[in-house]
Structure formats: C-alpha cells, structure tokens
C-alpha cells in the first residue's frame, strides 16, 4: 500500500470500509510506515488473534502485544523490552493499557541514567 493511501486509510473510517477491511472480521490493522520505501507493509487480524510487533536493534528489542478481551469488550496492549540475538535485558510489561483510553495506561519506569536537558537518550 502506498504511504499516501495508507495515511488516508488510517485517518478515514469510510476509506477502511471501501478497502474491504470493515466487515471481513478484521479487528486489528497494523502498518509499518517508515520502512524507507514508498509503500507500507500491512497486516490485519481478527479479535481471536493476538498481534505481536517487535522492533529490534543489535542491542535489544521492544515488543508490543495487542489482544482483545472478550469479557470486558476492550482491546489491550502491553509493551516489553526483550533480548534480540542474545543481546539486551528483559523488562516484562513496562507499560500497558486499553486502546483509546488514556486513563488506563500504566507504566513502570526504571531510570538507569537520568537524561538532562540537551542530552540525547541512549
């Protein structure tokens, strides 16, 4: 999918319906936008699927898990730090919450090095 079409798709519910994603059982829509190409890689998944996205460097990875909770009728997410290629620490669930509900977001922040004004984050 071209980036321009992807951005329209993400910001316009009727565009999603026109593309056939609404009504086909899709609950999740995932896109990788800044991949250095003019296209966006996308996937869809149903409510019964758990979606896992991982962004990795040689120093470690960040993993986001999104899942639908049928009992509460909500879709939640969990963010963790995980090793990649044997490198990096594991910090399970350092943030979690419910999609669309800013008040539900919680985070366990561990400050290893304090970042002061003007410094870059390592």
N, C-alpha and C. Protein backbone atom coordinates (compact mmCIF):
# COMPACT_ATOMS: atom_id res chain seq x y z
N UNK A 1 0.85 -1.16 0.00
CA UNK A 1 0.00 0.00 0.00
C UNK A 1 0.90 1.23 0.00
N UNK A 2 0.63 2.21 -0.85
CA UNK A 2 1.41 3.44 -0.90
C UNK A 2 1.19 4.24 0.37
N UNK A 3 2.24 4.98 0.83
CA UNK A 3 2.15 5.73 2.08
C UNK A 3 0.98 6.71 2.11
N UNK A 4 0.76 7.41 1.01
CA UNK A 4 -0.33 8.39 0.98
C UNK A 4 -1.69 7.70 1.18
N UNK A 5 -1.87 6.58 0.51
CA UNK A 5 -3.11 5.82 0.64
C UNK A 5 -3.24 5.25 2.04
N UNK A 6 -2.13 4.80 2.63
CA UNK A 6 -2.13 4.27 4.00
C UNK A 6 -2.55 5.34 4.99
N UNK A 7 -2.01 6.55 4.86
CA UNK A 7 -2.38 7.63 5.79
C UNK A 7 -3.86 7.97 5.68
N UNK A 8 -4.38 8.00 4.48
CA UNK A 8 -5.81 8.24 4.27
C UNK A 8 -6.61 7.12 4.90
N UNK A 9 -6.16 5.91 4.70
CA UNK A 9 -6.81 4.72 5.23
C UNK A 9 -6.90 4.78 6.75
N UNK A 10 -5.81 5.18 7.41
CA UNK A 10 -5.76 5.22 8.87
C UNK A 10 -6.62 6.33 9.46
N UNK A 11 -6.78 7.43 8.74
CA UNK A 11 -7.50 8.58 9.30
C UNK A 11 -8.95 8.64 8.86
N UNK A 12 -9.40 7.73 8.00
CA UNK A 12 -10.74 7.83 7.44
C UNK A 12 -11.45 6.47 7.51
N UNK A 13 -12.41 6.32 8.46
CA UNK A 13 -13.10 5.03 8.59
C UNK A 13 -13.80 4.58 7.30
N UNK A 14 -14.34 5.52 6.54
CA UNK A 14 -15.03 5.10 5.31
C UNK A 14 -14.03 4.55 4.30
N UNK A 15 -12.79 5.05 4.33
CA UNK A 15 -11.76 4.51 3.43
C UNK A 15 -11.47 3.06 3.80
N UNK A 16 -11.47 2.75 5.10
CA UNK A 16 -11.24 1.36 5.52
C UNK A 16 -12.37 0.47 5.01
N UNK A 17 -13.59 0.97 5.08
CA UNK A 17 -14.73 0.18 4.61
C UNK A 17 -14.63 -0.01 3.09
N UNK A 18 -14.24 1.05 2.38
CA UNK A 18 -14.08 0.95 0.93
C UNK A 18 -13.03 -0.08 0.56
N UNK A 19 -11.99 -0.21 1.37
CA UNK A 19 -10.91 -1.15 1.09
C UNK A 19 -11.28 -2.58 1.47
N UNK A 20 -12.44 -2.74 2.13
CA UNK A 20 -12.91 -4.08 2.45
C UNK A 20 -12.44 -4.61 3.79
N UNK A 21 -11.85 -3.78 4.64
CA UNK A 21 -11.36 -4.28 5.93
C UNK A 21 -12.48 -4.34 6.96
N UNK A 22 -13.46 -3.43 6.88
CA UNK A 22 -14.58 -3.48 7.82
C UNK A 22 -15.58 -4.51 7.30
N UNK A 23 -16.00 -5.39 8.15
CA UNK A 23 -16.97 -6.39 7.74
C UNK A 23 -16.33 -7.72 7.34
N UNK A 24 -15.00 -7.77 7.27
CA UNK A 24 -14.38 -9.06 6.93
C UNK A 24 -13.83 -9.75 8.17
N UNK A 25 -14.20 -9.28 9.35
CA UNK A 25 -13.76 -9.89 10.58
C UNK A 25 -12.49 -9.29 11.15
N UNK A 26 -11.90 -8.31 10.47
CA UNK A 26 -10.66 -7.71 10.96
C UNK A 26 -10.93 -6.83 12.16
N UNK A 27 -10.16 -7.02 13.20
CA UNK A 27 -10.23 -6.18 14.39
C UNK A 27 -8.96 -5.33 14.50
N UNK A 28 -7.85 -5.92 14.11
CA UNK A 28 -6.56 -5.23 14.17
C UNK A 28 -6.11 -4.86 12.76
N UNK A 29 -5.52 -3.69 12.65
CA UNK A 29 -4.88 -3.26 11.41
C UNK A 29 -3.50 -2.75 11.79
N UNK A 30 -2.45 -3.32 11.23
CA UNK A 30 -1.09 -2.94 11.58
C UNK A 30 -0.35 -2.51 10.32
N UNK A 31 0.43 -1.44 10.44
CA UNK A 31 1.22 -0.99 9.31
C UNK A 31 2.61 -0.57 9.75
N UNK A 32 3.59 -0.86 8.90
CA UNK A 32 4.97 -0.41 9.12
C UNK A 32 5.20 0.70 8.12
N UNK A 33 5.22 1.94 8.62
CA UNK A 33 5.22 3.09 7.72
C UNK A 33 6.59 3.56 7.30
N UNK A 34 7.48 3.84 8.21
CA UNK A 34 8.77 4.44 7.85
C UNK A 34 9.80 3.37 7.55
N UNK A 35 9.54 2.59 6.53
CA UNK A 35 10.43 1.49 6.20
C UNK A 35 11.44 1.85 5.13
N UNK A 36 11.51 3.13 4.73
CA UNK A 36 12.48 3.55 3.72
C UNK A 36 12.00 3.32 2.31
N UNK A 37 10.78 2.86 2.16
CA UNK A 37 10.21 2.62 0.85
C UNK A 37 8.99 3.52 0.68
N UNK A 38 8.45 3.53 -0.53
CA UNK A 38 7.26 4.33 -0.80
C UNK A 38 6.00 3.58 -0.41
N UNK A 39 6.13 2.34 0.03
CA UNK A 39 4.97 1.54 0.39
C UNK A 39 4.97 1.26 1.89
N UNK A 40 3.81 0.82 2.37
CA UNK A 40 3.63 0.48 3.77
C UNK A 40 3.23 -0.99 3.83
N UNK A 41 3.96 -1.76 4.61
CA UNK A 41 3.59 -3.16 4.80
C UNK A 41 2.47 -3.22 5.82
N UNK A 42 1.41 -3.96 5.52
CA UNK A 42 0.25 -4.02 6.40
C UNK A 42 -0.18 -5.45 6.65
N UNK A 43 -0.84 -5.64 7.80
CA UNK A 43 -1.49 -6.91 8.11
C UNK A 43 -2.81 -6.60 8.81
N UNK A 44 -3.72 -7.54 8.79
CA UNK A 44 -4.95 -7.44 9.57
C UNK A 44 -5.07 -8.72 10.39
N UNK A 45 -5.87 -8.65 11.45
CA UNK A 45 -6.09 -9.82 12.30
C UNK A 45 -7.47 -9.71 12.93
N UNK A 46 -8.02 -10.83 13.33
CA UNK A 46 -9.34 -10.85 13.95
C UNK A 46 -9.22 -10.70 15.46
N UNK A 47 -10.38 -10.59 16.13
CA UNK A 47 -10.38 -10.44 17.59
C UNK A 47 -9.81 -11.66 18.28
N UNK A 48 -9.89 -12.81 17.67
CA UNK A 48 -9.37 -14.02 18.32
C UNK A 48 -7.85 -14.14 18.18
N UNK A 49 -7.25 -13.28 17.37
CA UNK A 49 -5.79 -13.28 17.21
C UNK A 49 -5.13 -12.36 18.23
N UNK A 50 -3.91 -12.69 18.59
CA UNK A 50 -3.07 -11.81 19.39
C UNK A 50 -2.02 -11.26 18.42
N UNK A 51 -1.86 -9.94 18.39
CA UNK A 51 -0.90 -9.33 17.47
C UNK A 51 0.36 -8.98 18.25
N UNK A 52 1.51 -9.38 17.73
CA UNK A 52 2.79 -9.08 18.35
C UNK A 52 3.65 -8.33 17.34
N UNK A 53 4.10 -7.15 17.73
CA UNK A 53 5.00 -6.36 16.88
C UNK A 53 6.31 -6.19 17.62
N UNK A 54 7.41 -6.36 16.91
CA UNK A 54 8.73 -6.26 17.54
C UNK A 54 9.62 -5.36 16.69
N UNK A 55 10.24 -4.40 17.37
CA UNK A 55 11.24 -3.53 16.72
C UNK A 55 12.57 -3.85 17.39
N UNK A 56 13.56 -4.24 16.57
CA UNK A 56 14.82 -4.74 17.11
C UNK A 56 16.01 -3.94 16.62
N UNK A 57 17.02 -3.87 17.48
CA UNK A 57 18.36 -3.43 17.11
C UNK A 57 19.30 -4.53 17.60
N UNK A 58 20.58 -4.40 17.32
CA UNK A 58 21.51 -5.42 17.82
C UNK A 58 21.67 -5.33 19.33
N UNK A 59 21.19 -4.25 19.96
CA UNK A 59 21.29 -4.10 21.40
C UNK A 59 20.10 -4.68 22.15
N UNK A 60 19.00 -4.96 21.46
CA UNK A 60 17.81 -5.49 22.10
C UNK A 60 16.57 -5.15 21.28
N UNK A 61 15.39 -5.39 21.87
CA UNK A 61 14.15 -5.17 21.14
C UNK A 61 13.05 -4.67 22.07
N UNK A 62 12.06 -4.02 21.46
CA UNK A 62 10.84 -3.62 22.15
C UNK A 62 9.72 -4.42 21.49
N UNK A 63 8.87 -5.01 22.31
CA UNK A 63 7.79 -5.84 21.81
C UNK A 63 6.45 -5.29 22.31
N UNK A 64 5.49 -5.17 21.42
CA UNK A 64 4.15 -4.73 21.76
C UNK A 64 3.19 -5.87 21.44
N UNK A 65 2.38 -6.23 22.42
CA UNK A 65 1.38 -7.28 22.25
C UNK A 65 0.01 -6.61 22.38
N UNK A 66 -0.86 -6.85 21.40
CA UNK A 66 -2.22 -6.33 21.45
C UNK A 66 -3.18 -7.52 21.40
N UNK A 67 -4.19 -7.49 22.26
CA UNK A 67 -5.14 -8.60 22.32
C UNK A 67 -6.51 -8.10 22.74
N UNK A 68 -7.54 -8.74 22.20
CA UNK A 68 -8.92 -8.40 22.54
C UNK A 68 -9.35 -9.22 23.75
N UNK A 69 -10.03 -8.56 24.70
CA UNK A 69 -10.54 -9.22 25.89
C UNK A 69 -12.05 -9.31 25.75
N UNK A 70 -12.57 -10.47 25.44
CA UNK A 70 -14.00 -10.65 25.21
C UNK A 70 -14.83 -10.37 26.46
N UNK A 71 -14.28 -10.68 27.64
CA UNK A 71 -15.02 -10.47 28.88
C UNK A 71 -15.32 -8.99 29.13
N UNK A 72 -14.33 -8.13 28.84
CA UNK A 72 -14.52 -6.69 29.07
C UNK A 72 -14.92 -5.95 27.80
N UNK A 73 -14.77 -6.60 26.65
CA UNK A 73 -15.10 -5.94 25.38
C UNK A 73 -14.09 -4.87 24.99
N UNK A 74 -12.88 -4.96 25.52
CA UNK A 74 -11.85 -3.97 25.23
C UNK A 74 -10.64 -4.64 24.58
N UNK A 75 -9.83 -3.82 23.95
CA UNK A 75 -8.58 -4.29 23.35
C UNK A 75 -7.43 -3.68 24.13
N UNK A 76 -6.59 -4.51 24.67
CA UNK A 76 -5.49 -4.03 25.49
C UNK A 76 -4.15 -4.19 24.81
N UNK A 77 -3.14 -3.52 25.37
CA UNK A 77 -1.78 -3.63 24.85
C UNK A 77 -0.82 -3.74 26.02
N UNK A 78 0.34 -4.33 25.73
CA UNK A 78 1.41 -4.47 26.70
C UNK A 78 2.73 -4.25 25.98
N UNK A 79 3.60 -3.43 26.55
CA UNK A 79 4.90 -3.13 25.95
C UNK A 79 5.99 -3.71 26.86
N UNK A 80 6.92 -4.45 26.24
CA UNK A 80 8.01 -5.07 27.00
C UNK A 80 9.33 -4.85 26.27
N UNK A 81 10.42 -4.91 27.02
CA UNK A 81 11.76 -4.93 26.44
C UNK A 81 12.23 -6.37 26.47
N UNK A 82 12.72 -6.85 25.33
CA UNK A 82 13.15 -8.24 25.24
C UNK A 82 14.50 -8.31 24.53
N UNK A 83 15.27 -9.37 24.76
CA UNK A 83 16.56 -9.51 24.07
C UNK A 83 16.36 -9.76 22.57
N UNK A 84 17.37 -9.41 21.81
CA UNK A 84 17.40 -9.73 20.38
C UNK A 84 18.79 -10.28 20.07
N UNK A 85 18.85 -11.42 19.42
CA UNK A 85 20.11 -12.07 19.07
C UNK A 85 21.01 -12.23 20.29
N UNK A 86 20.38 -12.52 21.45
CA UNK A 86 21.14 -12.74 22.67
C UNK A 86 21.59 -11.48 23.38
N UNK A 87 21.22 -10.31 22.88
CA UNK A 87 21.63 -9.05 23.49
C UNK A 87 20.42 -8.33 24.09
N UNK A 88 20.66 -7.66 25.21
CA UNK A 88 19.63 -6.84 25.83
C UNK A 88 18.98 -7.50 27.02
N UNK A 89 18.31 -6.66 27.80
CA UNK A 89 17.65 -7.10 29.01
C UNK A 89 16.19 -7.46 28.73
N UNK A 90 15.58 -8.12 29.70
CA UNK A 90 14.15 -8.40 29.65
C UNK A 90 13.47 -7.58 30.73
N UNK A 91 12.55 -6.73 30.33
CA UNK A 91 11.71 -5.97 31.26
C UNK A 91 10.29 -6.21 30.78
N UNK A 92 9.63 -7.15 31.41
CA UNK A 92 8.28 -7.51 31.01
C UNK A 92 7.29 -6.43 31.43
N UNK A 93 6.43 -6.10 30.55
CA UNK A 93 5.30 -5.21 30.78
C UNK A 93 5.69 -3.91 31.49
N UNK A 94 6.49 -3.09 30.81
CA UNK A 94 6.80 -1.80 31.43
C UNK A 94 5.75 -0.76 31.11
N UNK A 95 4.79 -1.09 30.26
CA UNK A 95 3.63 -0.24 30.03
C UNK A 95 2.49 -1.12 29.54
N UNK A 96 1.27 -0.77 29.96
CA UNK A 96 0.10 -1.49 29.49
C UNK A 96 -1.11 -0.58 29.58
N UNK A 97 -2.17 -0.96 28.86
CA UNK A 97 -3.38 -0.17 28.90
C UNK A 97 -4.41 -0.70 27.92
N UNK A 98 -5.45 0.12 27.71
CA UNK A 98 -6.55 -0.21 26.81
C UNK A 98 -6.53 0.79 25.68
N UNK A 99 -6.64 0.31 24.44
CA UNK A 99 -6.65 1.19 23.27
C UNK A 99 -7.73 2.26 23.42
N UNK A 100 -7.38 3.50 23.16
CA UNK A 100 -8.33 4.60 23.17
C UNK A 100 -8.65 5.18 24.54
N UNK A 101 -8.11 4.61 25.61
CA UNK A 101 -8.39 5.06 26.97
C UNK A 101 -7.10 5.49 27.65
N UNK A 102 -6.77 6.77 27.54
CA UNK A 102 -5.53 7.28 28.11
C UNK A 102 -5.43 7.09 29.61
N UNK A 103 -6.58 7.09 30.29
CA UNK A 103 -6.58 6.90 31.74
C UNK A 103 -6.22 5.49 32.17
N UNK A 104 -6.25 4.55 31.26
CA UNK A 104 -5.95 3.16 31.60
C UNK A 104 -4.47 2.84 31.52
N UNK A 105 -3.68 3.74 30.96
CA UNK A 105 -2.27 3.45 30.71
C UNK A 105 -1.49 3.51 32.02
N UNK A 106 -0.71 2.47 32.26
CA UNK A 106 0.18 2.44 33.42
C UNK A 106 1.57 2.10 32.93
N UNK A 107 2.55 2.59 33.65
CA UNK A 107 3.94 2.34 33.26
C UNK A 107 4.79 2.17 34.51
N UNK A 108 5.69 1.21 34.44
CA UNK A 108 6.68 1.02 35.48
C UNK A 108 7.99 1.52 34.90
N UNK A 109 8.41 2.69 35.33
CA UNK A 109 9.60 3.31 34.75
C UNK A 109 10.79 3.08 35.66
N UNK A 110 11.85 2.56 35.07
CA UNK A 110 13.09 2.33 35.79
C UNK A 110 14.14 3.25 35.19
N UNK A 111 14.61 4.24 35.96
CA UNK A 111 15.61 5.17 35.46
C UNK A 111 16.99 4.60 35.69
N UNK A 112 17.67 4.30 34.60
CA UNK A 112 19.03 3.80 34.70
C UNK A 112 19.99 4.97 34.69
N UNK A 113 19.85 5.82 33.70
CA UNK A 113 20.65 7.04 33.62
C UNK A 113 19.69 8.21 33.48
N UNK A 114 19.85 9.22 34.27
CA UNK A 114 18.97 10.38 34.18
C UNK A 114 19.39 11.22 32.98
N UNK A 115 18.43 11.58 32.17
CA UNK A 115 18.67 12.41 30.99
C UNK A 115 18.36 13.86 31.36
N UNK A 116 19.33 14.73 31.18
CA UNK A 116 19.12 16.14 31.46
C UNK A 116 18.93 16.91 30.15
N UNK A 117 18.47 18.14 30.25
CA UNK A 117 18.21 18.94 29.07
C UNK A 117 19.44 19.00 28.16
N UNK A 118 19.22 18.78 26.88
CA UNK A 118 20.30 18.85 25.92
C UNK A 118 20.99 17.52 25.62
N UNK A 119 20.79 16.52 26.49
CA UNK A 119 21.40 15.23 26.25
C UNK A 119 20.51 14.41 25.32
N UNK A 120 21.12 13.50 24.64
CA UNK A 120 20.33 12.58 23.83
C UNK A 120 20.06 11.32 24.64
N UNK A 121 18.96 10.69 24.34
CA UNK A 121 18.62 9.46 25.05
C UNK A 121 19.42 8.33 24.42
N UNK A 122 20.16 7.56 25.23
CA UNK A 122 20.99 6.49 24.69
C UNK A 122 20.18 5.39 24.04
